[in-house]
């Protein structure tokens, strides 16, 4: 891949939930995307990522677990109801967690590594022609989502990524604002 091709891929990647909720994404493709995630920079080689591919009725169980945690916190009933079904909008979601480190600094570095890996997964999904959407775990649901996925007890959920085959394309912005500060020694 040339630098120009890489730049085009990065610019082409869009966040989108315009997907066919019934057309399955092959497990082998998801395995490849999850493997790409693990190539992210990882300080001290802690390999902090935890990954789960949630499909079928597992999506409903994920929504119910998160919604129950939200309801227990006293969240708005409409948001709780929406959470029960929102993971059904795509054929599957990748739940991405980060394990706690042996210090506050290592925990932060682990999360940074996992977030970097998520970008690898998203770019890989775009290269395969998939639509993707990076969603956060609902407030207060980290523990139950980690438990549902079989992750270690102290895992923080970094992303819940919807994956699916696009039904429409999202237009890229013409230009994203950027400010680069230059420091000359």
C-alpha atoms as a PDB file:
ATOM      1  CA  UNK A   1       0.000   0.000   0.000  1.00  0.00           C
ATOM      2  CA  UNK A   2       1.343   3.390  -0.919  1.00  0.00           C
ATOM      3  CA  UNK A   3       1.173   6.395   1.433  1.00  0.00           C
ATOM      4  CA  UNK A   4      -1.495   7.841  -0.864  1.00  0.00           C
ATOM      5  CA  UNK A   5      -3.587   4.673  -0.670  1.00  0.00           C
ATOM      6  CA  UNK A   6      -3.315   4.654   3.123  1.00  0.00           C
ATOM      7  CA  UNK A   7      -4.366   8.316   3.268  1.00  0.00           C
ATOM      8  CA  UNK A   8      -7.341   7.556   0.995  1.00  0.00           C
ATOM      9  CA  UNK A   9      -8.400   4.634   3.215  1.00  0.00           C
ATOM     10  CA  UNK A  10      -8.189   6.786   6.340  1.00  0.00           C
ATOM     11  CA  UNK A  11     -10.188   9.579   4.704  1.00  0.00           C
ATOM     12  CA  UNK A  12     -12.777   7.112   3.365  1.00  0.00           C
ATOM     13  CA  UNK A  13     -13.513   5.603   6.801  1.00  0.00           C
ATOM     14  CA  UNK A  14     -16.843   6.905   8.066  1.00  0.00           C
ATOM     15  CA  UNK A  15     -18.845   6.171  11.158  1.00  0.00           C
ATOM     16  CA  UNK A  16     -22.104   4.651   9.949  1.00  0.00           C
ATOM     17  CA  UNK A  17     -25.025   2.612  11.205  1.00  0.00           C
ATOM     18  CA  UNK A  18     -26.544   2.396   7.721  1.00  0.00           C
ATOM     19  CA  UNK A  19     -26.150  -1.373   7.636  1.00  0.00           C
ATOM     20  CA  UNK A  20     -28.073  -4.460   6.645  1.00  0.00           C
ATOM     21  CA  UNK A  21     -28.926  -5.875  10.078  1.00  0.00           C
ATOM     22  CA  UNK A  22     -29.540  -9.339   8.634  1.00  0.00           C
ATOM     23  CA  UNK A  23     -26.525  -9.896   6.357  1.00  0.00           C
ATOM     24  CA  UNK A  24     -23.943 -11.679   8.456  1.00  0.00           C
ATOM     25  CA  UNK A  25     -20.309 -10.682   8.618  1.00  0.00           C
ATOM     26  CA  UNK A  26     -18.159 -13.814   8.261  1.00  0.00           C
ATOM     27  CA  UNK A  27     -16.474 -14.922  11.486  1.00  0.00           C
ATOM     28  CA  UNK A  28     -13.181 -15.237   9.594  1.00  0.00           C
ATOM     29  CA  UNK A  29     -13.369 -11.546   8.661  1.00  0.00           C
ATOM     30  CA  UNK A  30     -14.115 -10.573  12.261  1.00  0.00           C
ATOM     31  CA  UNK A  31     -11.189 -12.721  13.427  1.00  0.00           C
ATOM     32  CA  UNK A  32      -8.926 -10.883  10.979  1.00  0.00           C
ATOM     33  CA  UNK A  33     -10.180  -7.481  12.150  1.00  0.00           C
ATOM     34  CA  UNK A  34      -9.660  -8.435  15.803  1.00  0.00           C
ATOM     35  CA  UNK A  35      -6.142  -9.615  14.978  1.00  0.00           C
ATOM     36  CA  UNK A  36      -5.443  -6.230  13.358  1.00  0.00           C
ATOM     37  CA  UNK A  37      -6.477  -4.591  16.613  1.00  0.00           C
ATOM     38  CA  UNK A  38      -3.689  -6.415  18.425  1.00  0.00           C
ATOM     39  CA  UNK A  39      -1.012  -4.775  16.264  1.00  0.00           C
ATOM     40  CA  UNK A  40      -1.521  -1.444  18.041  1.00  0.00           C
ATOM     41  CA  UNK A  41       1.390   0.064  19.953  1.00  0.00           C
ATOM     42  CA  UNK A  42       1.442  -1.543  23.385  1.00  0.00           C
ATOM     43  CA  UNK A  43       3.734  -0.105  26.061  1.00  0.00           C
ATOM     44  CA  UNK A  44       5.446  -2.833  28.123  1.00  0.00           C
ATOM     45  CA  UNK A  45       3.720  -5.515  26.006  1.00  0.00           C
ATOM     46  CA  UNK A  46       0.874  -6.004  28.443  1.00  0.00           C
ATOM     47  CA  UNK A  47      -1.492  -7.188  25.664  1.00  0.00           C
ATOM     48  CA  UNK A  48      -4.414  -5.487  27.449  1.00  0.00           C
ATOM     49  CA  UNK A  49      -7.235  -6.115  24.994  1.00  0.00           C
ATOM     50  CA  UNK A  50     -10.230  -8.329  25.546  1.00  0.00           C
ATOM     51  CA  UNK A  51     -12.485  -9.023  22.559  1.00  0.00           C
ATOM     52  CA  UNK A  52     -15.930 -10.557  22.080  1.00  0.00           C
ATOM     53  CA  UNK A  53     -17.936 -10.927  18.851  1.00  0.00           C
ATOM     54  CA  UNK A  54     -21.605 -10.756  19.810  1.00  0.00           C
ATOM     55  CA  UNK A  55     -24.186 -11.987  17.289  1.00  0.00           C
ATOM     56  CA  UNK A  56     -27.644 -13.542  17.201  1.00  0.00           C
ATOM     57  CA  UNK A  57     -29.524 -13.532  20.499  1.00  0.00           C
ATOM     58  CA  UNK A  58     -26.304 -12.472  22.248  1.00  0.00           C
ATOM     59  CA  UNK A  59     -27.007  -8.927  20.979  1.00  0.00           C
ATOM     60  CA  UNK A  60     -30.331  -8.911  22.833  1.00  0.00           C
ATOM     61  CA  UNK A  61     -28.692 -10.294  25.991  1.00  0.00           C
ATOM     62  CA  UNK A  62     -26.056  -7.555  25.709  1.00  0.00           C
ATOM     63  CA  UNK A  63     -28.781  -4.913  25.395  1.00  0.00           C
ATOM     64  CA  UNK A  64     -30.726  -6.330  28.334  1.00  0.00           C
ATOM     65  CA  UNK A  65     -27.640  -6.490  30.567  1.00  0.00           C
ATOM     66  CA  UNK A  66     -26.685  -2.899  29.775  1.00  0.00           C
ATOM     67  CA  UNK A  67     -30.293  -1.680  30.107  1.00  0.00           C
ATOM     68  CA  UNK A  68     -30.735  -3.405  33.474  1.00  0.00           C
ATOM     69  CA  UNK A  69     -27.568  -1.694  34.751  1.00  0.00           C
ATOM     70  CA  UNK A  70     -28.854   1.645  33.482  1.00  0.00           C
ATOM     71  CA  UNK A  71     -32.260   1.108  35.106  1.00  0.00           C
ATOM     72  CA  UNK A  72     -30.569   0.252  38.415  1.00  0.00           C
ATOM     73  CA  UNK A  73     -28.777   3.613  38.212  1.00  0.00           C
ATOM     74  CA  UNK A  74     -32.105   5.385  37.681  1.00  0.00           C
ATOM     75  CA  UNK A  75     -31.445   6.353  34.046  1.00  0.00           C
ATOM     76  CA  UNK A  76     -34.227   7.734  31.879  1.00  0.00           C
ATOM     77  CA  UNK A  77     -36.748   5.009  30.980  1.00  0.00           C
ATOM     78  CA  UNK A  78     -36.692   5.910  27.266  1.00  0.00           C
ATOM     79  CA  UNK A  79     -32.882   5.491  27.124  1.00  0.00           C
ATOM     80  CA  UNK A  80     -33.142   2.198  28.981  1.00  0.00           C
ATOM     81  CA  UNK A  81     -35.763   0.935  26.520  1.00  0.00           C
ATOM     82  CA  UNK A  82     -33.650   2.013  23.519  1.00  0.00           C
ATOM     83  CA  UNK A  83     -30.604   0.224  24.925  1.00  0.00           C
ATOM     84  CA  UNK A  84     -32.507  -3.082  25.082  1.00  0.00           C
ATOM     85  CA  UNK A  85     -32.748  -3.220  21.273  1.00  0.00           C
ATOM     86  CA  UNK A  86     -29.969  -1.002  19.933  1.00  0.00           C
ATOM     87  CA  UNK A  87     -27.430  -3.790  19.382  1.00  0.00           C
ATOM     88  CA  UNK A  88     -29.886  -5.459  17.012  1.00  0.00           C
ATOM     89  CA  UNK A  89     -29.227  -2.683  14.457  1.00  0.00           C
ATOM     90  CA  UNK A  90     -26.285  -4.598  12.991  1.00  0.00           C
ATOM     91  CA  UNK A  91     -25.588  -8.306  12.498  1.00  0.00           C
ATOM     92  CA  UNK A  92     -22.961  -8.180  15.218  1.00  0.00           C
ATOM     93  CA  UNK A  93     -20.946  -6.023  17.554  1.00  0.00           C
ATOM     94  CA  UNK A  94     -17.377  -6.346  18.735  1.00  0.00           C
ATOM     95  CA  UNK A  95     -17.075  -5.570  22.433  1.00  0.00           C
ATOM     96  CA  UNK A  96     -13.574  -4.294  23.156  1.00  0.00           C
ATOM     97  CA  UNK A  97     -12.232  -4.154  26.697  1.00  0.00           C
ATOM     98  CA  UNK A  98      -9.032  -3.020  28.365  1.00  0.00           C
ATOM     99  CA  UNK A  99      -7.642  -4.770  31.418  1.00  0.00           C
ATOM    100  CA  UNK A 100      -6.497  -2.837  34.459  1.00  0.00           C
ATOM    101  CA  UNK A 101      -2.747  -2.387  34.776  1.00  0.00           C
ATOM    102  CA  UNK A 102      -0.500  -2.764  37.800  1.00  0.00           C
ATOM    103  CA  UNK A 103      -0.544   1.020  38.325  1.00  0.00           C
ATOM    104  CA  UNK A 104      -2.690   3.998  37.395  1.00  0.00           C
ATOM    105  CA  UNK A 105      -0.201   4.899  34.647  1.00  0.00           C
ATOM    106  CA  UNK A 106      -0.204   1.351  33.212  1.00  0.00           C
ATOM    107  CA  UNK A 107      -4.012   1.282  33.252  1.00  0.00           C
ATOM    108  CA  UNK A 108      -4.049   4.509  31.220  1.00  0.00           C
ATOM    109  CA  UNK A 109      -1.406   3.152  28.832  1.00  0.00           C
ATOM    110  CA  UNK A 110      -3.423  -0.044  28.409  1.00  0.00           C
ATOM    111  CA  UNK A 111      -6.555   1.904  27.520  1.00  0.00           C
ATOM    112  CA  UNK A 112      -4.585   4.043  25.053  1.00  0.00           C
ATOM    113  CA  UNK A 113      -3.234   0.883  23.388  1.00  0.00           C
ATOM    114  CA  UNK A 114      -6.711  -0.600  23.124  1.00  0.00           C
ATOM    115  CA  UNK A 115      -8.139   2.629  21.667  1.00  0.00           C
ATOM    116  CA  UNK A 116      -5.316   2.652  19.106  1.00  0.00           C
ATOM    117  CA  UNK A 117      -6.194  -0.915  18.257  1.00  0.00           C
ATOM    118  CA  UNK A 118      -9.831   0.028  17.735  1.00  0.00           C
ATOM    119  CA  UNK A 119      -8.709   2.392  14.959  1.00  0.00           C
ATOM    120  CA  UNK A 120      -6.845  -0.507  13.323  1.00  0.00           C
ATOM    121  CA  UNK A 121     -10.041  -2.580  13.439  1.00  0.00           C
ATOM    122  CA  UNK A 122     -12.137   0.267  12.004  1.00  0.00           C
ATOM    123  CA  UNK A 123      -9.700   0.868   9.132  1.00  0.00           C
ATOM    124  CA  UNK A 124      -9.610  -2.862   8.419  1.00  0.00           C
ATOM    125  CA  UNK A 125     -13.409  -2.930   8.341  1.00  0.00           C
ATOM    126  CA  UNK A 126     -13.406  -0.082   5.815  1.00  0.00           C
ATOM    127  CA  UNK A 127     -10.836  -1.905   3.674  1.00  0.00           C
ATOM    128  CA  UNK A 128     -13.189  -4.932   3.643  1.00  0.00           C
ATOM    129  CA  UNK A 129     -16.140  -2.768   2.566  1.00  0.00           C
ATOM    130  CA  UNK A 130     -17.892  -2.893   5.943  1.00  0.00           C
ATOM    131  CA  UNK A 131     -19.629  -0.051   7.717  1.00  0.00           C
ATOM    132  CA  UNK A 132     -18.658   0.478  11.342  1.00  0.00           C
ATOM    133  CA  UNK A 133     -19.757   2.530  14.315  1.00  0.00           C
ATOM    134  CA  UNK A 134     -17.745   3.000  17.530  1.00  0.00           C
ATOM    135  CA  UNK A 135     -20.144   3.216  20.462  1.00  0.00           C
ATOM    136  CA  UNK A 136     -19.373   3.662  24.139  1.00  0.00           C
ATOM    137  CA  UNK A 137     -20.601   1.286  26.793  1.00  0.00           C
ATOM    138  CA  UNK A 138     -23.633   2.740  28.594  1.00  0.00           C
ATOM    139  CA  UNK A 139     -22.765   4.404  31.906  1.00  0.00           C
ATOM    140  CA  UNK A 140     -22.672   1.962  34.772  1.00  0.00           C
ATOM    141  CA  UNK A 141     -22.732  -1.110  32.521  1.00  0.00           C
ATOM    142  CA  UNK A 142     -18.988  -1.919  32.273  1.00  0.00           C
ATOM    143  CA  UNK A 143     -19.096  -4.651  34.898  1.00  0.00           C
ATOM    144  CA  UNK A 144     -22.133  -6.477  33.508  1.00  0.00           C
ATOM    145  CA  UNK A 145     -20.970  -6.185  29.903  1.00  0.00           C
ATOM    146  CA  UNK A 146     -17.505  -7.489  30.832  1.00  0.00           C
ATOM    147  CA  UNK A 147     -19.124 -10.349  32.750  1.00  0.00           C
ATOM    148  CA  UNK A 148     -21.451 -11.223  29.838  1.00  0.00           C
ATOM    149  CA  UNK A 149     -18.424 -11.327  27.517  1.00  0.00           C
ATOM    150  CA  UNK A 150     -16.362 -13.470  29.890  1.00  0.00           C
ATOM    151  CA  UNK A 151     -13.729 -10.768  30.399  1.00  0.00           C
ATOM    152  CA  UNK A 152     -11.668 -10.447  33.592  1.00  0.00           C
ATOM    153  CA  UNK A 153     -13.515  -8.716  36.425  1.00  0.00           C
ATOM    154  CA  UNK A 154     -11.584  -5.428  36.247  1.00  0.00           C
ATOM    155  CA  UNK A 155     -11.999  -4.892  32.485  1.00  0.00           C
ATOM    156  CA  UNK A 156     -13.062  -1.458  31.233  1.00  0.00           C
ATOM    157  CA  UNK A 157     -15.186  -1.501  28.099  1.00  0.00           C
ATOM    158  CA  UNK A 158     -13.507   0.838  25.604  1.00  0.00           C
ATOM    159  CA  UNK A 159     -15.793   0.305  22.632  1.00  0.00           C
ATOM    160  CA  UNK A 160     -18.806  -1.539  21.347  1.00  0.00           C
ATOM    161  CA  UNK A 161     -18.296  -1.572  17.593  1.00  0.00           C
ATOM    162  CA  UNK A 162     -21.228  -2.210  15.297  1.00  0.00           C
ATOM    163  CA  UNK A 163     -20.144  -3.995  12.084  1.00  0.00           C
ATOM    164  CA  UNK A 164     -22.203  -4.678   9.004  1.00  0.00           C
ATOM    165  CA  UNK A 165     -22.543  -4.415   5.265  1.00  0.00           C
ATOM    166  CA  UNK A 166     -23.512  -0.855   4.263  1.00  0.00           C
ATOM    167  CA  UNK A 167     -26.898  -0.082   2.787  1.00  0.00           C
ATOM    168  CA  UNK A 168     -25.868   3.491   1.939  1.00  0.00           C
ATOM    169  CA  UNK A 169     -22.721   5.556   2.064  1.00  0.00           C
ATOM    170  CA  UNK A 170     -22.063   8.421   4.453  1.00  0.00           C
ATOM    171  CA  UNK A 171     -20.545  11.439   2.770  1.00  0.00           C
ATOM    172  CA  UNK A 172     -17.127  12.466   3.997  1.00  0.00           C
ATOM    173  CA  UNK A 173     -16.663  16.050   5.126  1.00  0.00           C
ATOM    174  CA  UNK A 174     -14.818  18.184   2.598  1.00  0.00           C
ATOM    175  CA  UNK A 175     -12.207  19.228   5.133  1.00  0.00           C
ATOM    176  CA  UNK A 176     -11.642  18.542   8.787  1.00  0.00           C
ATOM    177  CA  UNK A 177     -10.193  21.386  10.865  1.00  0.00           C
ATOM    178  CA  UNK A 178      -6.658  20.898  12.113  1.00  0.00           C
ATOM    179  CA  UNK A 179      -4.337  23.080  14.142  1.00  0.00           C
ATOM    180  CA  UNK A 180      -0.696  22.054  14.338  1.00  0.00           C
ATOM    181  CA  UNK A 181       1.396  23.936  16.848  1.00  0.00           C
ATOM    182  CA  UNK A 182       5.026  24.314  15.839  1.00  0.00           C
ATOM    183  CA  UNK A 183       7.715  24.594  18.453  1.00  0.00           C
ATOM    184  CA  UNK A 184      11.166  25.539  17.267  1.00  0.00           C
ATOM    185  CA  UNK A 185      14.120  24.961  19.547  1.00  0.00           C
END
